[in-house]
N, C-alpha and C. Protein backbone atom coordinates (compact mmCIF):
# COMPACT_ATOMS: atom_id res chain seq x y z
N MET A 1 28.20 6.23 -59.10
CA MET A 1 29.27 5.47 -59.70
C MET A 1 30.57 5.83 -59.00
N ARG A 2 31.38 4.79 -58.72
CA ARG A 2 32.65 4.98 -58.06
C ARG A 2 33.76 4.74 -59.05
N GLN A 3 34.84 5.47 -58.95
CA GLN A 3 35.96 5.30 -59.87
C GLN A 3 37.19 4.84 -59.08
N LEU A 4 37.88 3.86 -59.62
CA LEU A 4 39.11 3.37 -59.01
C LEU A 4 40.25 3.61 -59.99
N THR A 5 41.41 3.95 -59.48
CA THR A 5 42.58 4.09 -60.34
C THR A 5 43.55 2.98 -60.02
N ARG A 6 44.28 2.57 -61.00
CA ARG A 6 45.24 1.50 -60.81
C ARG A 6 46.51 1.88 -61.54
N GLY A 7 47.63 1.78 -60.87
CA GLY A 7 48.87 2.20 -61.50
C GLY A 7 49.91 1.13 -61.53
N SER A 8 49.62 -0.06 -61.14
CA SER A 8 50.62 -1.13 -61.19
C SER A 8 50.03 -2.32 -61.90
N GLY A 9 50.84 -3.32 -62.14
CA GLY A 9 50.34 -4.53 -62.79
C GLY A 9 50.36 -4.41 -64.30
N GLY A 10 51.22 -3.58 -64.85
CA GLY A 10 51.36 -3.50 -66.29
C GLY A 10 50.40 -2.53 -66.95
N GLU A 11 49.51 -1.92 -66.20
CA GLU A 11 48.59 -0.96 -66.79
C GLU A 11 49.10 0.44 -66.54
N PRO A 12 48.79 1.31 -67.42
CA PRO A 12 49.31 2.67 -67.27
C PRO A 12 48.73 3.36 -66.04
N ALA A 13 49.57 4.18 -65.42
CA ALA A 13 49.12 4.92 -64.24
C ALA A 13 48.04 5.89 -64.63
N GLY A 14 47.10 6.04 -63.77
CA GLY A 14 46.02 6.95 -64.03
C GLY A 14 44.87 6.33 -64.78
N HIS A 15 44.95 5.02 -65.10
CA HIS A 15 43.85 4.36 -65.80
C HIS A 15 42.66 4.28 -64.86
N VAL A 16 41.51 4.60 -65.29
CA VAL A 16 40.32 4.68 -64.47
C VAL A 16 39.39 3.52 -64.82
N TYR A 17 38.93 2.79 -63.76
CA TYR A 17 37.95 1.73 -63.93
C TYR A 17 36.62 2.22 -63.37
N ASN A 18 35.59 1.95 -64.04
CA ASN A 18 34.26 2.30 -63.54
C ASN A 18 33.68 1.07 -62.85
N VAL A 19 33.34 1.22 -61.59
CA VAL A 19 32.75 0.13 -60.83
C VAL A 19 31.37 0.58 -60.40
N LYS A 20 30.38 -0.14 -60.85
CA LYS A 20 29.01 0.19 -60.47
C LYS A 20 28.55 -0.81 -59.43
N VAL A 21 27.96 -0.35 -58.40
CA VAL A 21 27.45 -1.22 -57.34
C VAL A 21 25.96 -1.36 -57.55
N TYR A 22 25.54 -2.59 -57.67
CA TYR A 22 24.12 -2.88 -57.85
C TYR A 22 23.61 -3.51 -56.56
N PRO A 23 23.02 -2.76 -55.65
CA PRO A 23 22.61 -3.31 -54.36
C PRO A 23 21.58 -4.41 -54.47
N LYS A 24 20.65 -4.35 -55.41
CA LYS A 24 19.63 -5.39 -55.52
C LYS A 24 20.26 -6.71 -55.95
N ILE A 25 21.22 -6.65 -56.85
CA ILE A 25 21.89 -7.87 -57.33
C ILE A 25 22.72 -8.48 -56.20
N LEU A 26 23.43 -7.64 -55.45
CA LEU A 26 24.25 -8.16 -54.35
C LEU A 26 23.39 -8.81 -53.27
N ARG A 27 22.27 -8.19 -52.95
CA ARG A 27 21.38 -8.78 -51.96
C ARG A 27 20.82 -10.11 -52.46
N SER A 28 20.48 -10.17 -53.73
CA SER A 28 19.94 -11.41 -54.30
C SER A 28 20.98 -12.53 -54.27
N LEU A 29 22.24 -12.19 -54.60
CA LEU A 29 23.31 -13.19 -54.55
C LEU A 29 23.56 -13.67 -53.11
N ALA A 30 23.56 -12.75 -52.16
CA ALA A 30 23.78 -13.14 -50.77
C ALA A 30 22.66 -14.04 -50.28
N LEU A 31 21.43 -13.73 -50.63
CA LEU A 31 20.30 -14.55 -50.22
C LEU A 31 20.37 -15.94 -50.85
N ALA A 32 20.75 -16.00 -52.12
CA ALA A 32 20.87 -17.28 -52.81
C ALA A 32 21.97 -18.13 -52.16
N ALA A 33 23.10 -17.51 -51.82
CA ALA A 33 24.20 -18.24 -51.17
C ALA A 33 23.76 -18.76 -49.81
N LEU A 34 23.05 -17.95 -49.05
CA LEU A 34 22.58 -18.35 -47.73
C LEU A 34 21.60 -19.52 -47.83
N LEU A 35 20.68 -19.47 -48.78
CA LEU A 35 19.73 -20.56 -48.95
C LEU A 35 20.42 -21.85 -49.40
N THR A 36 21.41 -21.72 -50.26
CA THR A 36 22.15 -22.90 -50.73
C THR A 36 22.89 -23.56 -49.57
N VAL A 37 23.55 -22.76 -48.75
CA VAL A 37 24.29 -23.30 -47.61
C VAL A 37 23.33 -23.96 -46.63
N ALA A 38 22.20 -23.34 -46.37
CA ALA A 38 21.22 -23.91 -45.45
C ALA A 38 20.68 -25.24 -45.98
N ARG A 39 20.44 -25.32 -47.29
CA ARG A 39 19.90 -26.55 -47.87
C ARG A 39 20.94 -27.67 -47.83
N VAL A 40 22.19 -27.35 -48.12
CA VAL A 40 23.25 -28.36 -48.06
C VAL A 40 23.45 -28.84 -46.63
N ALA A 41 23.41 -27.92 -45.69
CA ALA A 41 23.58 -28.31 -44.29
C ALA A 41 22.42 -29.19 -43.83
N ALA A 42 21.21 -28.89 -44.27
CA ALA A 42 20.07 -29.70 -43.89
C ALA A 42 20.15 -31.11 -44.49
N GLN A 43 20.67 -31.21 -45.70
CA GLN A 43 20.78 -32.52 -46.33
C GLN A 43 21.84 -33.37 -45.66
N THR A 44 22.94 -32.77 -45.23
CA THR A 44 24.01 -33.57 -44.63
C THR A 44 23.73 -33.91 -43.18
N SER A 45 22.92 -33.11 -42.47
CA SER A 45 22.71 -33.39 -41.06
C SER A 45 21.52 -34.32 -40.81
N ALA A 46 20.56 -34.39 -41.69
CA ALA A 46 19.40 -35.25 -41.46
C ALA A 46 19.66 -36.64 -42.00
N PRO A 47 19.50 -37.68 -41.17
CA PRO A 47 19.71 -39.03 -41.65
C PRO A 47 18.51 -39.48 -42.47
N PRO A 48 18.72 -40.48 -43.30
CA PRO A 48 17.59 -41.02 -44.06
C PRO A 48 16.54 -41.57 -43.10
N ALA A 49 15.28 -41.50 -43.52
CA ALA A 49 14.19 -41.91 -42.65
C ALA A 49 14.22 -43.41 -42.35
N SER A 50 14.73 -44.21 -43.26
CA SER A 50 14.71 -45.66 -43.07
C SER A 50 15.87 -46.14 -42.21
N ALA A 51 16.95 -45.38 -42.12
CA ALA A 51 18.12 -45.83 -41.36
C ALA A 51 18.00 -45.37 -39.91
N GLU A 52 18.46 -46.22 -38.99
CA GLU A 52 18.47 -45.87 -37.58
C GLU A 52 19.86 -45.36 -37.22
N LEU A 53 19.87 -44.44 -36.28
CA LEU A 53 21.15 -43.93 -35.80
C LEU A 53 21.83 -44.99 -34.95
N PRO A 54 23.15 -45.12 -35.08
CA PRO A 54 23.84 -46.07 -34.20
C PRO A 54 23.82 -45.54 -32.77
N SER A 55 23.70 -46.43 -31.83
CA SER A 55 23.67 -46.01 -30.44
C SER A 55 25.09 -45.62 -30.01
N ALA A 56 25.14 -44.68 -29.10
CA ALA A 56 26.43 -44.23 -28.58
C ALA A 56 27.04 -45.34 -27.75
N PRO A 57 28.35 -45.52 -27.84
CA PRO A 57 28.97 -46.57 -27.04
C PRO A 57 28.88 -46.22 -25.56
N GLU A 58 28.64 -47.22 -24.76
CA GLU A 58 28.54 -47.03 -23.32
C GLU A 58 29.94 -46.77 -22.77
N PRO A 59 30.08 -45.81 -21.83
CA PRO A 59 31.40 -45.58 -21.25
C PRO A 59 31.83 -46.79 -20.42
N VAL A 60 33.09 -47.10 -20.51
CA VAL A 60 33.63 -48.24 -19.79
C VAL A 60 33.89 -47.80 -18.36
N LYS A 61 33.26 -48.48 -17.42
CA LYS A 61 33.44 -48.17 -16.01
C LYS A 61 34.23 -49.28 -15.35
N ALA A 62 35.00 -48.88 -14.35
CA ALA A 62 35.68 -49.89 -13.57
C ALA A 62 34.63 -50.66 -12.77
N ALA A 63 34.91 -51.90 -12.55
CA ALA A 63 33.95 -52.72 -11.81
C ALA A 63 33.76 -52.13 -10.42
N ALA A 64 32.56 -51.73 -10.12
CA ALA A 64 32.26 -51.16 -8.81
C ALA A 64 32.23 -52.28 -7.78
N HIS A 65 32.56 -51.93 -6.56
CA HIS A 65 32.55 -52.91 -5.49
C HIS A 65 31.80 -52.31 -4.32
N ALA A 66 31.39 -53.15 -3.43
CA ALA A 66 30.74 -52.67 -2.22
C ALA A 66 31.78 -52.00 -1.34
N PHE A 67 31.38 -50.96 -0.63
CA PHE A 67 32.34 -50.24 0.19
C PHE A 67 32.91 -51.12 1.29
N TRP A 68 32.07 -51.89 1.94
CA TRP A 68 32.53 -52.75 3.02
C TRP A 68 32.89 -54.14 2.49
N ASP A 69 33.67 -54.20 1.40
CA ASP A 69 34.10 -55.49 0.89
C ASP A 69 35.27 -56.02 1.72
N HIS A 70 35.74 -57.19 1.36
CA HIS A 70 36.79 -57.86 2.14
C HIS A 70 38.06 -57.01 2.23
N ASP A 71 38.48 -56.44 1.10
CA ASP A 71 39.72 -55.65 1.08
C ASP A 71 39.62 -54.43 1.99
N ASN A 72 38.52 -53.70 1.92
CA ASN A 72 38.37 -52.52 2.77
C ASN A 72 38.29 -52.89 4.24
N LYS A 73 37.63 -53.99 4.55
CA LYS A 73 37.57 -54.42 5.96
C LYS A 73 38.97 -54.68 6.50
N ILE A 74 39.79 -55.35 5.70
CA ILE A 74 41.17 -55.62 6.12
C ILE A 74 41.95 -54.32 6.26
N LEU A 75 41.80 -53.42 5.29
CA LEU A 75 42.52 -52.15 5.36
C LEU A 75 42.08 -51.31 6.55
N PHE A 76 40.80 -51.23 6.82
CA PHE A 76 40.33 -50.44 7.95
C PHE A 76 40.73 -51.06 9.27
N THR A 77 40.78 -52.39 9.33
CA THR A 77 41.28 -53.06 10.53
C THR A 77 42.75 -52.74 10.72
N GLY A 78 43.50 -52.70 9.63
CA GLY A 78 44.92 -52.32 9.71
C GLY A 78 45.10 -50.89 10.18
N VAL A 79 44.26 -49.98 9.69
CA VAL A 79 44.34 -48.59 10.14
C VAL A 79 44.07 -48.52 11.64
N ALA A 80 43.03 -49.20 12.10
CA ALA A 80 42.69 -49.18 13.52
C ALA A 80 43.81 -49.80 14.36
N ALA A 81 44.38 -50.91 13.89
CA ALA A 81 45.44 -51.59 14.64
C ALA A 81 46.68 -50.69 14.75
N PHE A 82 47.08 -50.08 13.65
CA PHE A 82 48.27 -49.24 13.69
C PHE A 82 48.04 -47.93 14.43
N ARG A 83 46.81 -47.42 14.41
CA ARG A 83 46.52 -46.24 15.25
C ARG A 83 46.59 -46.63 16.72
N GLY A 84 46.14 -47.84 17.06
CA GLY A 84 46.28 -48.33 18.44
C GLY A 84 47.74 -48.49 18.83
N LEU A 85 48.55 -49.03 17.92
CA LEU A 85 49.99 -49.14 18.19
C LEU A 85 50.64 -47.77 18.33
N ASP A 86 50.20 -46.81 17.53
CA ASP A 86 50.73 -45.46 17.64
C ASP A 86 50.36 -44.86 19.00
N PHE A 87 49.14 -45.10 19.46
CA PHE A 87 48.71 -44.62 20.77
C PHE A 87 49.61 -45.21 21.86
N ALA A 88 49.81 -46.53 21.81
CA ALA A 88 50.61 -47.20 22.84
C ALA A 88 52.07 -46.74 22.79
N SER A 89 52.63 -46.63 21.59
CA SER A 89 54.04 -46.25 21.48
C SER A 89 54.26 -44.80 21.90
N THR A 90 53.31 -43.94 21.63
CA THR A 90 53.45 -42.55 22.04
C THR A 90 53.36 -42.43 23.55
N ARG A 91 52.43 -43.15 24.17
CA ARG A 91 52.33 -43.13 25.64
C ARG A 91 53.61 -43.71 26.26
N ASN A 92 54.15 -44.77 25.66
CA ASN A 92 55.40 -45.35 26.15
C ASN A 92 56.54 -44.35 26.01
N MET A 93 56.59 -43.67 24.88
CA MET A 93 57.65 -42.69 24.65
C MET A 93 57.56 -41.56 25.68
N ARG A 94 56.35 -41.10 25.98
CA ARG A 94 56.17 -40.03 26.98
C ARG A 94 56.56 -40.54 28.37
N ALA A 95 56.29 -41.80 28.65
CA ALA A 95 56.66 -42.36 29.96
C ALA A 95 58.18 -42.44 30.11
N ARG A 96 58.88 -42.55 29.00
CA ARG A 96 60.34 -42.60 29.03
C ARG A 96 60.98 -41.22 29.01
N GLY A 97 60.14 -40.18 29.06
CA GLY A 97 60.68 -38.83 29.17
C GLY A 97 60.91 -38.12 27.84
N ARG A 98 60.46 -38.67 26.73
CA ARG A 98 60.63 -38.03 25.43
C ARG A 98 59.47 -37.08 25.15
N ASP A 99 59.70 -36.09 24.30
CA ASP A 99 58.66 -35.13 23.95
C ASP A 99 57.99 -35.53 22.64
N GLU A 100 56.71 -35.30 22.57
CA GLU A 100 55.94 -35.54 21.34
C GLU A 100 56.23 -34.40 20.37
N ILE A 101 56.37 -34.72 19.07
CA ILE A 101 56.72 -33.67 18.10
C ILE A 101 55.51 -33.17 17.31
N LEU A 102 54.44 -33.96 17.18
CA LEU A 102 53.29 -33.52 16.39
C LEU A 102 52.23 -32.83 17.23
N LEU A 103 52.03 -33.29 18.43
CA LEU A 103 51.06 -32.68 19.35
C LEU A 103 51.82 -32.13 20.55
N ASN A 104 51.16 -31.27 21.30
CA ASN A 104 51.86 -30.82 22.50
C ASN A 104 51.76 -31.90 23.57
N ASN A 105 52.65 -31.84 24.53
CA ASN A 105 52.74 -32.89 25.55
C ASN A 105 51.50 -32.95 26.44
N GLU A 106 50.86 -31.81 26.67
CA GLU A 106 49.66 -31.81 27.51
C GLU A 106 48.54 -32.61 26.86
N THR A 107 48.43 -32.52 25.55
CA THR A 107 47.39 -33.27 24.83
C THR A 107 47.66 -34.77 24.90
N VAL A 108 48.91 -35.15 24.71
CA VAL A 108 49.27 -36.57 24.73
C VAL A 108 49.13 -37.14 26.14
N ASP A 109 49.45 -36.33 27.15
CA ASP A 109 49.37 -36.80 28.52
C ASP A 109 47.93 -36.92 29.01
N ASN A 110 46.99 -36.25 28.38
CA ASN A 110 45.58 -36.36 28.73
C ASN A 110 45.02 -37.58 28.00
N LEU A 111 44.84 -38.66 28.72
CA LEU A 111 44.47 -39.94 28.11
C LEU A 111 43.17 -39.89 27.30
N PRO A 112 42.05 -39.35 27.80
CA PRO A 112 40.83 -39.32 26.99
C PRO A 112 40.95 -38.47 25.72
N THR A 113 41.65 -37.35 25.83
CA THR A 113 41.81 -36.48 24.66
C THR A 113 42.66 -37.16 23.60
N PHE A 114 43.76 -37.77 24.01
CA PHE A 114 44.63 -38.43 23.04
C PHE A 114 43.94 -39.64 22.42
N ALA A 115 43.16 -40.38 23.20
CA ALA A 115 42.40 -41.51 22.65
C ALA A 115 41.37 -41.02 21.64
N ALA A 116 40.72 -39.90 21.94
CA ALA A 116 39.73 -39.34 21.00
C ALA A 116 40.40 -38.89 19.70
N ILE A 117 41.60 -38.36 19.79
CA ILE A 117 42.34 -37.94 18.58
C ILE A 117 42.66 -39.16 17.72
N GLU A 118 43.07 -40.25 18.34
CA GLU A 118 43.39 -41.47 17.58
C GLU A 118 42.14 -42.05 16.92
N VAL A 119 41.01 -42.05 17.64
CA VAL A 119 39.76 -42.55 17.06
C VAL A 119 39.31 -41.64 15.92
N ALA A 120 39.49 -40.33 16.09
CA ALA A 120 39.15 -39.39 15.02
C ALA A 120 40.01 -39.63 13.79
N GLY A 121 41.27 -40.01 13.99
CA GLY A 121 42.14 -40.34 12.85
C GLY A 121 41.63 -41.53 12.07
N ILE A 122 41.11 -42.53 12.78
CA ILE A 122 40.52 -43.69 12.12
C ILE A 122 39.27 -43.27 11.35
N ALA A 123 38.44 -42.44 11.97
CA ALA A 123 37.20 -41.99 11.32
C ALA A 123 37.50 -41.17 10.07
N VAL A 124 38.52 -40.33 10.12
CA VAL A 124 38.90 -39.54 8.94
C VAL A 124 39.37 -40.44 7.81
N SER A 125 40.15 -41.46 8.15
CA SER A 125 40.62 -42.39 7.13
C SER A 125 39.46 -43.12 6.45
N VAL A 126 38.52 -43.61 7.24
CA VAL A 126 37.35 -44.31 6.68
C VAL A 126 36.49 -43.32 5.89
N GLY A 127 36.31 -42.12 6.41
CA GLY A 127 35.50 -41.11 5.72
C GLY A 127 36.08 -40.69 4.38
N LEU A 128 37.39 -40.47 4.33
CA LEU A 128 38.02 -40.13 3.06
C LEU A 128 37.90 -41.28 2.06
N SER A 129 38.07 -42.49 2.55
CA SER A 129 37.93 -43.65 1.66
C SER A 129 36.51 -43.76 1.12
N TYR A 130 35.53 -43.48 1.97
CA TYR A 130 34.14 -43.54 1.51
C TYR A 130 33.87 -42.45 0.48
N TRP A 131 34.41 -41.27 0.70
CA TRP A 131 34.24 -40.17 -0.26
C TRP A 131 34.83 -40.56 -1.61
N MET A 132 36.02 -41.14 -1.61
CA MET A 132 36.64 -41.57 -2.87
C MET A 132 35.84 -42.69 -3.52
N HIS A 133 35.26 -43.57 -2.71
CA HIS A 133 34.43 -44.66 -3.23
C HIS A 133 33.19 -44.10 -3.93
N ARG A 134 32.54 -43.14 -3.30
CA ARG A 134 31.31 -42.56 -3.86
C ARG A 134 31.58 -41.78 -5.14
N THR A 135 32.76 -41.20 -5.27
CA THR A 135 33.09 -40.44 -6.48
C THR A 135 33.74 -41.31 -7.55
N GLY A 136 33.88 -42.61 -7.29
CA GLY A 136 34.39 -43.52 -8.31
C GLY A 136 35.90 -43.66 -8.35
N HIS A 137 36.60 -43.12 -7.37
CA HIS A 137 38.07 -43.21 -7.33
C HIS A 137 38.47 -44.39 -6.44
N HIS A 138 38.28 -45.59 -6.96
CA HIS A 138 38.45 -46.78 -6.14
C HIS A 138 39.91 -47.08 -5.81
N ARG A 139 40.82 -46.74 -6.69
CA ARG A 139 42.24 -46.98 -6.38
C ARG A 139 42.70 -46.04 -5.27
N ILE A 140 42.28 -44.78 -5.35
CA ILE A 140 42.65 -43.82 -4.30
C ILE A 140 42.00 -44.22 -2.98
N GLU A 141 40.80 -44.76 -3.06
CA GLU A 141 40.09 -45.24 -1.87
C GLU A 141 40.96 -46.21 -1.09
N ARG A 142 41.60 -47.13 -1.78
CA ARG A 142 42.44 -48.12 -1.12
C ARG A 142 43.76 -47.50 -0.66
N TRP A 143 44.33 -46.61 -1.49
CA TRP A 143 45.64 -46.03 -1.18
C TRP A 143 45.58 -45.09 0.02
N ILE A 144 44.43 -44.52 0.32
CA ILE A 144 44.30 -43.69 1.53
C ILE A 144 44.59 -44.54 2.76
N SER A 145 44.00 -45.73 2.81
CA SER A 145 44.22 -46.62 3.96
C SER A 145 45.65 -47.12 4.00
N VAL A 146 46.21 -47.44 2.84
CA VAL A 146 47.60 -47.92 2.80
C VAL A 146 48.54 -46.82 3.29
N GLY A 147 48.31 -45.59 2.85
CA GLY A 147 49.14 -44.47 3.32
C GLY A 147 48.99 -44.22 4.81
N HIS A 148 47.78 -44.35 5.31
CA HIS A 148 47.55 -44.15 6.74
C HIS A 148 48.24 -45.23 7.56
N ILE A 149 48.15 -46.47 7.10
CA ILE A 149 48.84 -47.57 7.79
C ILE A 149 50.34 -47.34 7.78
N SER A 150 50.88 -46.91 6.63
CA SER A 150 52.32 -46.69 6.51
C SER A 150 52.79 -45.58 7.44
N ALA A 151 52.04 -44.47 7.50
CA ALA A 151 52.43 -43.37 8.37
C ALA A 151 52.37 -43.78 9.85
N ALA A 152 51.34 -44.51 10.23
CA ALA A 152 51.22 -44.95 11.62
C ALA A 152 52.31 -45.96 11.97
N ALA A 153 52.65 -46.84 11.03
CA ALA A 153 53.72 -47.83 11.27
C ALA A 153 55.07 -47.12 11.42
N PHE A 154 55.31 -46.11 10.60
CA PHE A 154 56.56 -45.35 10.73
C PHE A 154 56.62 -44.66 12.09
N GLY A 155 55.53 -44.01 12.49
CA GLY A 155 55.51 -43.32 13.78
C GLY A 155 55.69 -44.28 14.94
N THR A 156 55.07 -45.44 14.86
CA THR A 156 55.20 -46.44 15.92
C THR A 156 56.64 -46.92 16.03
N GLY A 157 57.23 -47.25 14.89
CA GLY A 157 58.63 -47.69 14.89
C GLY A 157 59.56 -46.62 15.42
N ARG A 158 59.34 -45.39 15.01
CA ARG A 158 60.18 -44.30 15.48
C ARG A 158 60.05 -44.13 16.99
N ASN A 159 58.82 -44.18 17.49
CA ASN A 159 58.62 -44.00 18.93
C ASN A 159 59.32 -45.08 19.74
N TYR A 160 59.27 -46.33 19.31
CA TYR A 160 59.89 -47.41 20.06
C TYR A 160 61.41 -47.42 19.89
N LEU A 161 61.92 -46.85 18.81
CA LEU A 161 63.37 -46.86 18.60
C LEU A 161 64.09 -45.68 19.24
N LEU A 162 63.36 -44.69 19.70
CA LEU A 162 64.01 -43.56 20.36
C LEU A 162 64.63 -44.01 21.68
N ALA A 163 65.80 -43.49 21.94
CA ALA A 163 66.46 -43.84 23.19
C ALA A 163 65.72 -43.19 24.35
N THR A 164 65.77 -43.84 25.50
CA THR A 164 65.13 -43.30 26.68
C THR A 164 65.92 -42.10 27.15
N LYS A 165 65.19 -41.06 27.46
CA LYS A 165 65.82 -39.85 27.96
C LYS A 165 65.89 -39.99 29.49
N HIS A 166 67.06 -40.30 29.98
CA HIS A 166 67.18 -40.53 31.42
C HIS A 166 67.13 -39.19 32.15
N ARG A 167 66.36 -39.19 33.19
CA ARG A 167 66.25 -38.00 34.01
C ARG A 167 67.31 -38.08 35.10
N ASN A 168 67.83 -36.92 35.41
CA ASN A 168 68.81 -36.90 36.51
C ASN A 168 68.07 -37.16 37.82
N PRO A 169 68.55 -38.13 38.55
CA PRO A 169 67.89 -38.38 39.84
C PRO A 169 68.11 -37.18 40.77
N THR A 170 67.10 -36.82 41.45
CA THR A 170 67.23 -35.71 42.37
C THR A 170 67.74 -36.23 43.72
N ALA A 171 68.55 -35.46 44.30
CA ALA A 171 69.12 -35.86 45.61
C ALA A 171 68.05 -35.67 46.68
N PRO A 172 67.98 -36.63 47.62
CA PRO A 172 67.00 -36.51 48.70
C PRO A 172 67.35 -35.44 49.70
């Protein structure tokens, strides 16, 4: 038997309460509570046998399109055209004596290497677009090509607008 004392709450200090712990009764109450909770949970989670469960709503997907559809063909043609213009404008800029800022001059002056870099740029643009297409990011798929066209158009315009760097003629 355990004794508790209580000295507040209107009762005299030193008042002793006898508290008896009955382990068998406590175990029986805990078991009854556990069984009751389990039975209630089973009743609420199991549907009636005659009723069918409603089907889950299908996720709404954006309308998928073929990768080589009309829009992508036009965008990829634009990427290729502007990469070609970038190639021509960079070679023109180098012929006028200007320095390339993104690549070193030796790379740009080597015609096969620079052509391979431009073709690789086209392949990267198409590859990234395909990756976005396969993962379902169709808007990004299109914007990759639009961004590539915009960057190449800016570079082409910049290259043609640069003033010619006149070289001092050497005396014979």
